[in-house]
PDB file of N, CA and C in Angstrom:
ATOM      1  N   MET A   1      49.243 -13.484  28.703  1.00  0.00           N
ATOM      2  CA  MET A   1      48.335 -13.028  27.695  1.00  0.00           C
ATOM      3  C   MET A   1      47.080 -12.431  28.310  1.00  0.00           C
ATOM      4  N   GLY A   2      46.543 -13.028  29.337  1.00  0.00           N
ATOM      5  CA  GLY A   2      45.355 -12.471  29.978  1.00  0.00           C
ATOM      6  C   GLY A   2      44.107 -12.739  29.171  1.00  0.00           C
ATOM      7  N   GLY A   3      43.241 -11.760  29.125  1.00  0.00           N
ATOM      8  CA  GLY A   3      41.968 -11.957  28.426  1.00  0.00           C
ATOM      9  C   GLY A   3      40.899 -12.312  29.419  1.00  0.00           C
ATOM     10  N   GLY A   4      39.730 -11.924  29.127  1.00  0.00           N
ATOM     11  CA  GLY A   4      38.624 -12.148  30.055  1.00  0.00           C
ATOM     12  C   GLY A   4      37.690 -13.217  29.569  1.00  0.00           C
ATOM     13  N   GLY A   5      38.138 -14.436  29.594  1.00  0.00           N
ATOM     14  CA  GLY A   5      37.265 -15.540  29.215  1.00  0.00           C
ATOM     15  C   GLY A   5      36.149 -15.706  30.228  1.00  0.00           C
ATOM     16  N   ALA A   6      35.268 -16.607  29.947  1.00  0.00           N
ATOM     17  CA  ALA A   6      34.138 -16.846  30.838  1.00  0.00           C
ATOM     18  C   ALA A   6      34.642 -17.227  32.215  1.00  0.00           C
ATOM     19  N   GLY A   7      34.181 -16.508  33.215  1.00  0.00           N
ATOM     20  CA  GLY A   7      34.538 -16.832  34.581  1.00  0.00           C
ATOM     21  C   GLY A   7      35.905 -16.361  35.004  1.00  0.00           C
ATOM     22  N   ARG A   8      36.600 -15.606  34.159  1.00  0.00           N
ATOM     23  CA  ARG A   8      37.946 -15.139  34.505  1.00  0.00           C
ATOM     24  C   ARG A   8      38.026 -13.629  34.469  1.00  0.00           C
ATOM     25  N   GLY A   9      38.390 -13.034  35.559  1.00  0.00           N
ATOM     26  CA  GLY A   9      38.671 -11.600  35.609  1.00  0.00           C
ATOM     27  C   GLY A   9      37.626 -10.752  34.917  1.00  0.00           C
ATOM     28  N   GLY A  10      38.037  -9.598  34.482  1.00  0.00           N
ATOM     29  CA  GLY A  10      37.121  -8.700  33.781  1.00  0.00           C
ATOM     30  C   GLY A  10      36.061  -8.173  34.719  1.00  0.00           C
ATOM     31  N   SER A  11      35.195  -7.361  34.183  1.00  0.00           N
ATOM     32  CA  SER A  11      34.136  -6.814  35.012  1.00  0.00           C
ATOM     33  C   SER A  11      32.863  -7.617  34.806  1.00  0.00           C
ATOM     34  N   SER A  12      32.049  -7.605  35.806  1.00  0.00           N
ATOM     35  CA  SER A  12      30.801  -8.358  35.751  1.00  0.00           C
ATOM     36  C   SER A  12      29.642  -7.407  35.529  1.00  0.00           C
ATOM     37  N   ASN A  13      28.736  -7.800  34.679  1.00  0.00           N
ATOM     38  CA  ASN A  13      27.543  -7.008  34.439  1.00  0.00           C
ATOM     39  C   ASN A  13      26.356  -7.586  35.188  1.00  0.00           C
ATOM     40  N   ASN A  14      26.602  -8.447  36.153  1.00  0.00           N
ATOM     41  CA  ASN A  14      25.529  -9.093  36.888  1.00  0.00           C
ATOM     42  C   ASN A  14      25.249  -8.319  38.165  1.00  0.00           C
ATOM     43  N   PRO A  15      24.189  -7.498  38.187  1.00  0.00           N
ATOM     44  CA  PRO A  15      23.897  -6.678  39.362  1.00  0.00           C
ATOM     45  C   PRO A  15      23.103  -7.404  40.436  1.00  0.00           C
ATOM     46  N   GLY A  16      22.943  -8.697  40.334  1.00  0.00           N
ATOM     47  CA  GLY A  16      22.221  -9.448  41.350  1.00  0.00           C
ATOM     48  C   GLY A  16      20.861  -9.888  40.844  1.00  0.00           C
ATOM     49  N   PRO A  17      20.032 -10.382  41.738  1.00  0.00           N
ATOM     50  CA  PRO A  17      18.728 -10.879  41.330  1.00  0.00           C
ATOM     51  C   PRO A  17      17.828  -9.753  40.852  1.00  0.00           C
ATOM     52  N   PRO A  18      16.843 -10.043  40.015  1.00  0.00           N
ATOM     53  CA  PRO A  18      15.937  -8.999  39.543  1.00  0.00           C
ATOM     54  C   PRO A  18      15.082  -8.454  40.679  1.00  0.00           C
ATOM     55  N   ALA A  19      14.588  -7.249  40.500  1.00  0.00           N
ATOM     56  CA  ALA A  19      13.719  -6.645  41.497  1.00  0.00           C
ATOM     57  C   ALA A  19      12.393  -7.391  41.550  1.00  0.00           C
ATOM     58  N   PRO A  20      11.771  -7.421  42.715  1.00  0.00           N
ATOM     59  CA  PRO A  20      10.467  -8.053  42.807  1.00  0.00           C
ATOM     60  C   PRO A  20       9.478  -7.347  41.878  1.00  0.00           C
ATOM     61  N   SER A  21       8.680  -8.098  41.144  1.00  0.00           N
ATOM     62  CA  SER A  21       7.798  -7.482  40.147  1.00  0.00           C
ATOM     63  C   SER A  21       6.701  -6.648  40.785  1.00  0.00           C
ATOM     64  N   SER A  22       6.354  -6.894  42.038  1.00  0.00           N
ATOM     65  CA  SER A  22       5.295  -6.125  42.683  1.00  0.00           C
ATOM     66  C   SER A  22       5.823  -4.859  43.358  1.00  0.00           C
ATOM     67  N   ALA A  23       7.148  -4.710  43.421  1.00  0.00           N
ATOM     68  CA  ALA A  23       7.741  -3.550  44.069  1.00  0.00           C
ATOM     69  C   ALA A  23       7.601  -2.325  43.186  1.00  0.00           C
ATOM     70  N   SER A  24       7.424  -1.165  43.820  1.00  0.00           N
ATOM     71  CA  SER A  24       7.314   0.073  43.068  1.00  0.00           C
ATOM     72  C   SER A  24       7.951   1.197  43.873  1.00  0.00           C
ATOM     73  N   SER A  25       8.763   2.012  43.211  1.00  0.00           N
ATOM     74  CA  SER A  25       9.420   3.126  43.872  1.00  0.00           C
ATOM     75  C   SER A  25       9.744   4.193  42.835  1.00  0.00           C
ATOM     76  N   THR A  26       9.573   5.456  43.197  1.00  0.00           N
ATOM     77  CA  THR A  26       9.878   6.570  42.298  1.00  0.00           C
ATOM     78  C   THR A  26      10.692   7.615  43.046  1.00  0.00           C
ATOM     79  N   VAL A  27      11.716   8.141  42.376  1.00  0.00           N
ATOM     80  CA  VAL A  27      12.525   9.227  42.920  1.00  0.00           C
ATOM     81  C   VAL A  27      12.559  10.333  41.881  1.00  0.00           C
ATOM     82  N   VAL A  28      12.281  11.577  42.326  1.00  0.00           N
ATOM     83  CA  VAL A  28      12.399  12.746  41.456  1.00  0.00           C
ATOM     84  C   VAL A  28      13.577  13.558  41.964  1.00  0.00           C
ATOM     85  N   HIS A  29      14.545  13.793  41.090  1.00  0.00           N
ATOM     86  CA  HIS A  29      15.763  14.516  41.456  1.00  0.00           C
ATOM     87  C   HIS A  29      15.559  16.014  41.338  1.00  0.00           C
ATOM     88  N   ASP A  30      16.430  16.772  41.985  1.00  0.00           N
ATOM     89  CA  ASP A  30      16.344  18.239  41.962  1.00  0.00           C
ATOM     90  C   ASP A  30      16.383  18.808  40.552  1.00  0.00           C
ATOM     91  N   ASN A  31      17.086  18.113  39.643  1.00  0.00           N
ATOM     92  CA  ASN A  31      17.209  18.619  38.271  1.00  0.00           C
ATOM     93  C   ASN A  31      16.032  18.213  37.390  1.00  0.00           C
ATOM     94  N   GLY A  32      15.013  17.580  37.976  1.00  0.00           N
ATOM     95  CA  GLY A  32      13.819  17.203  37.223  1.00  0.00           C
ATOM     96  C   GLY A  32      13.833  15.790  36.674  1.00  0.00           C
ATOM     97  N   MET A  33      14.971  15.107  36.779  1.00  0.00           N
ATOM     98  CA  MET A  33      15.041  13.721  36.315  1.00  0.00           C
ATOM     99  C   MET A  33      14.190  12.853  37.239  1.00  0.00           C
ATOM    100  N   ARG A  34      13.542  11.840  36.664  1.00  0.00           N
ATOM    101  CA  ARG A  34      12.702  10.941  37.450  1.00  0.00           C
ATOM    102  C   ARG A  34      13.086   9.498  37.172  1.00  0.00           C
ATOM    103  N   GLU A  35      13.291   8.727  38.235  1.00  0.00           N
ATOM    104  CA  GLU A  35      13.606   7.302  38.122  1.00  0.00           C
ATOM    105  C   GLU A  35      12.471   6.523  38.769  1.00  0.00           C
ATOM    106  N   THR A  36      12.020   5.471  38.093  1.00  0.00           N
ATOM    107  CA  THR A  36      10.933   4.651  38.610  1.00  0.00           C
ATOM    108  C   THR A  36      11.248   3.185  38.423  1.00  0.00           C
ATOM    109  N   VAL A  37      10.953   2.401  39.456  1.00  0.00           N
ATOM    110  CA  VAL A  37      10.954   0.949  39.334  1.00  0.00           C
ATOM    111  C   VAL A  37       9.519   0.521  39.595  1.00  0.00           C
ATOM    112  N   SER A  38       8.920  -0.111  38.592  1.00  0.00           N
ATOM    113  CA  SER A  38       7.538  -0.539  38.713  1.00  0.00           C
ATOM    114  C   SER A  38       7.292  -1.722  37.793  1.00  0.00           C
ATOM    115  N   GLU A  39       6.601  -2.717  38.304  1.00  0.00           N
ATOM    116  CA  GLU A  39       6.241  -3.903  37.529  1.00  0.00           C
ATOM    117  C   GLU A  39       7.448  -4.533  36.848  1.00  0.00           C
ATOM    118  N   GLY A  40       8.578  -4.536  37.583  1.00  0.00           N
ATOM    119  CA  GLY A  40       9.780  -5.189  37.076  1.00  0.00           C
ATOM    120  C   GLY A  40      10.547  -4.398  36.035  1.00  0.00           C
ATOM    121  N   ARG A  41      10.190  -3.128  35.818  1.00  0.00           N
ATOM    122  CA  ARG A  41      10.879  -2.272  34.841  1.00  0.00           C
ATOM    123  C   ARG A  41      11.529  -1.097  35.545  1.00  0.00           C
ATOM    124  N   TYR A  42      12.703  -0.682  35.057  1.00  0.00           N
ATOM    125  CA  TYR A  42      13.374   0.538  35.505  1.00  0.00           C
ATOM    126  C   TYR A  42      13.216   1.547  34.381  1.00  0.00           C
ATOM    127  N   VAL A  43      12.626   2.702  34.695  1.00  0.00           N
ATOM    128  CA  VAL A  43      12.409   3.740  33.679  1.00  0.00           C
ATOM    129  C   VAL A  43      12.954   5.055  34.215  1.00  0.00           C
ATOM    130  N   MET A  44      13.755   5.729  33.382  1.00  0.00           N
ATOM    131  CA  MET A  44      14.270   7.050  33.739  1.00  0.00           C
ATOM    132  C   MET A  44      13.741   8.059  32.719  1.00  0.00           C
ATOM    133  N   HIS A  45      13.206   9.178  33.239  1.00  0.00           N
ATOM    134  CA  HIS A  45      12.716  10.262  32.395  1.00  0.00           C
ATOM    135  C   HIS A  45      13.609  11.479  32.602  1.00  0.00           C
ATOM    136  N   ASP A  46      13.812  12.253  31.543  1.00  0.00           N
ATOM    137  CA  ASP A  46      14.550  13.504  31.706  1.00  0.00           C
ATOM    138  C   ASP A  46      13.585  14.572  32.218  1.00  0.00           C
ATOM    139  N   ALA A  47      14.089  15.777  32.420  1.00  0.00           N
ATOM    140  CA  ALA A  47      13.287  16.851  33.001  1.00  0.00           C
ATOM    141  C   ALA A  47      12.106  17.243  32.117  1.00  0.00           C
ATOM    142  N   GLN A  48      12.159  16.907  30.826  1.00  0.00           N
ATOM    143  CA  GLN A  48      11.063  17.222  29.912  1.00  0.00           C
ATOM    144  C   GLN A  48      10.057  16.079  29.800  1.00  0.00           C
ATOM    145  N   GLY A  49      10.275  15.012  30.570  1.00  0.00           N
ATOM    146  CA  GLY A  49       9.351  13.886  30.576  1.00  0.00           C
ATOM    147  C   GLY A  49       9.624  12.833  29.521  1.00  0.00           C
ATOM    148  N   ARG A  50      10.733  12.963  28.801  1.00  0.00           N
ATOM    149  CA  ARG A  50      11.078  11.969  27.774  1.00  0.00           C
ATOM    150  C   ARG A  50      11.733  10.764  28.419  1.00  0.00           C
ATOM    151  N   VAL A  51      11.378   9.586  27.948  1.00  0.00           N
ATOM    152  CA  VAL A  51      11.987   8.353  28.453  1.00  0.00           C
ATOM    153  C   VAL A  51      13.398   8.251  27.887  1.00  0.00           C
ATOM    154  N   ILE A  52      14.389   8.141  28.782  1.00  0.00           N
ATOM    155  CA  ILE A  52      15.764   8.008  28.308  1.00  0.00           C
ATOM    156  C   ILE A  52      16.351   6.642  28.638  1.00  0.00           C
ATOM    157  N   VAL A  53      15.735   5.906  29.583  1.00  0.00           N
ATOM    158  CA  VAL A  53      16.136   4.532  29.888  1.00  0.00           C
ATOM    159  C   VAL A  53      14.861   3.739  30.177  1.00  0.00           C
ATOM    160  N   ASP A  54      14.756   2.573  29.573  1.00  0.00           N
ATOM    161  CA  ASP A  54      13.634   1.663  29.844  1.00  0.00           C
ATOM    162  C   ASP A  54      14.175   0.248  29.702  1.00  0.00           C
ATOM    163  N   ARG A  55      14.320  -0.431  30.835  1.00  0.00           N
ATOM    164  CA  ARG A  55      14.910  -1.769  30.829  1.00  0.00           C
ATOM    165  C   ARG A  55      14.368  -2.567  31.997  1.00  0.00           C
ATOM    166  N   ARG A  56      14.683  -3.858  32.006  1.00  0.00           N
ATOM    167  CA  ARG A  56      14.313  -4.709  33.127  1.00  0.00           C
ATOM    168  C   ARG A  56      15.001  -4.192  34.385  1.00  0.00           C
ATOM    169  N   ALA A  57      14.256  -4.066  35.456  1.00  0.00           N
ATOM    170  CA  ALA A  57      14.808  -3.572  36.717  1.00  0.00           C
ATOM    171  C   ALA A  57      15.667  -4.642  37.368  1.00  0.00           C
ATOM    172  N   THR A  58      16.684  -4.183  38.057  1.00  0.00           N
ATOM    173  CA  THR A  58      17.525  -5.087  38.831  1.00  0.00           C
ATOM    174  C   THR A  58      17.248  -4.847  40.318  1.00  0.00           C
ATOM    175  N   PHE A  59      17.675  -5.787  41.123  1.00  0.00           N
ATOM    176  CA  PHE A  59      17.548  -5.629  42.563  1.00  0.00           C
ATOM    177  C   PHE A  59      18.301  -4.380  43.020  1.00  0.00           C
ATOM    178  N   ALA A  60      19.439  -4.109  42.407  1.00  0.00           N
ATOM    179  CA  ALA A  60      20.232  -2.925  42.751  1.00  0.00           C
ATOM    180  C   ALA A  60      19.448  -1.638  42.483  1.00  0.00           C
ATOM    181  N   ASP A  61      18.681  -1.596  41.397  1.00  0.00           N
ATOM    182  CA  ASP A  61      17.846  -0.415  41.106  1.00  0.00           C
ATOM    183  C   ASP A  61      16.843  -0.200  42.229  1.00  0.00           C
ATOM    184  N   TYR A  62      16.152  -1.285  42.594  1.00  0.00           N
ATOM    185  CA  TYR A  62      15.131  -1.192  43.631  1.00  0.00           C
ATOM    186  C   TYR A  62      15.730  -0.696  44.950  1.00  0.00           C
ATOM    187  N   VAL A  63      16.848  -1.275  45.350  1.00  0.00           N
ATOM    188  CA  VAL A  63      17.483  -0.889  46.613  1.00  0.00           C
ATOM    189  C   VAL A  63      17.946   0.561  46.557  1.00  0.00           C
ATOM    190  N   ARG A  64      18.562   0.974  45.449  1.00  0.00           N
ATOM    191  CA  ARG A  64      19.060   2.343  45.309  1.00  0.00           C
ATOM    192  C   ARG A  64      17.917   3.348  45.439  1.00  0.00           C
ATOM    193  N   LEU A  65      16.792   3.083  44.772  1.00  0.00           N
ATOM    194  CA  LEU A  65      15.668   4.022  44.850  1.00  0.00           C
ATOM    195  C   LEU A  65      14.985   3.967  46.207  1.00  0.00           C
ATOM    196  N   LEU A  66      14.941   2.798  46.802  1.00  0.00           N
ATOM    197  CA  LEU A  66      14.309   2.644  48.101  1.00  0.00           C
ATOM    198  C   LEU A  66      15.015   3.478  49.158  1.00  0.00           C
ATOM    199  N   PHE A  67      16.347   3.560  49.066  1.00  0.00           N
ATOM    200  CA  PHE A  67      17.124   4.283  50.062  1.00  0.00           C
ATOM    201  C   PHE A  67      17.620   5.648  49.590  1.00  0.00           C
ATOM    202  N   ALA A  68      17.058   6.157  48.501  1.00  0.00           N
ATOM    203  CA  ALA A  68      17.455   7.486  47.994  1.00  0.00           C
ATOM    204  C   ALA A  68      16.958   8.564  48.966  1.00  0.00           C
ATOM    205  N   PRO A  69      17.734   9.616  49.123  1.00  0.00           N
ATOM    206  CA  PRO A  69      17.331  10.688  50.050  1.00  0.00           C
ATOM    207  C   PRO A  69      16.100  11.429  49.578  1.00  0.00           C
TER     208      PRO A  69
END
């Protein structure tokens, strides 16, 4: 039968520990999109400056932006 009960299979939405609240990083992409991790929040803006994502930052967000080219 299968099924993804608690602790069984399925995909995990747990990206790890939250980003440090004092950490801050911003990346601006060639297409004008901007990603920022600041004060424990992950915010993405489109090329027109509109907020399209605003959520609690994860450690994965911080690491990804820290090592972005």
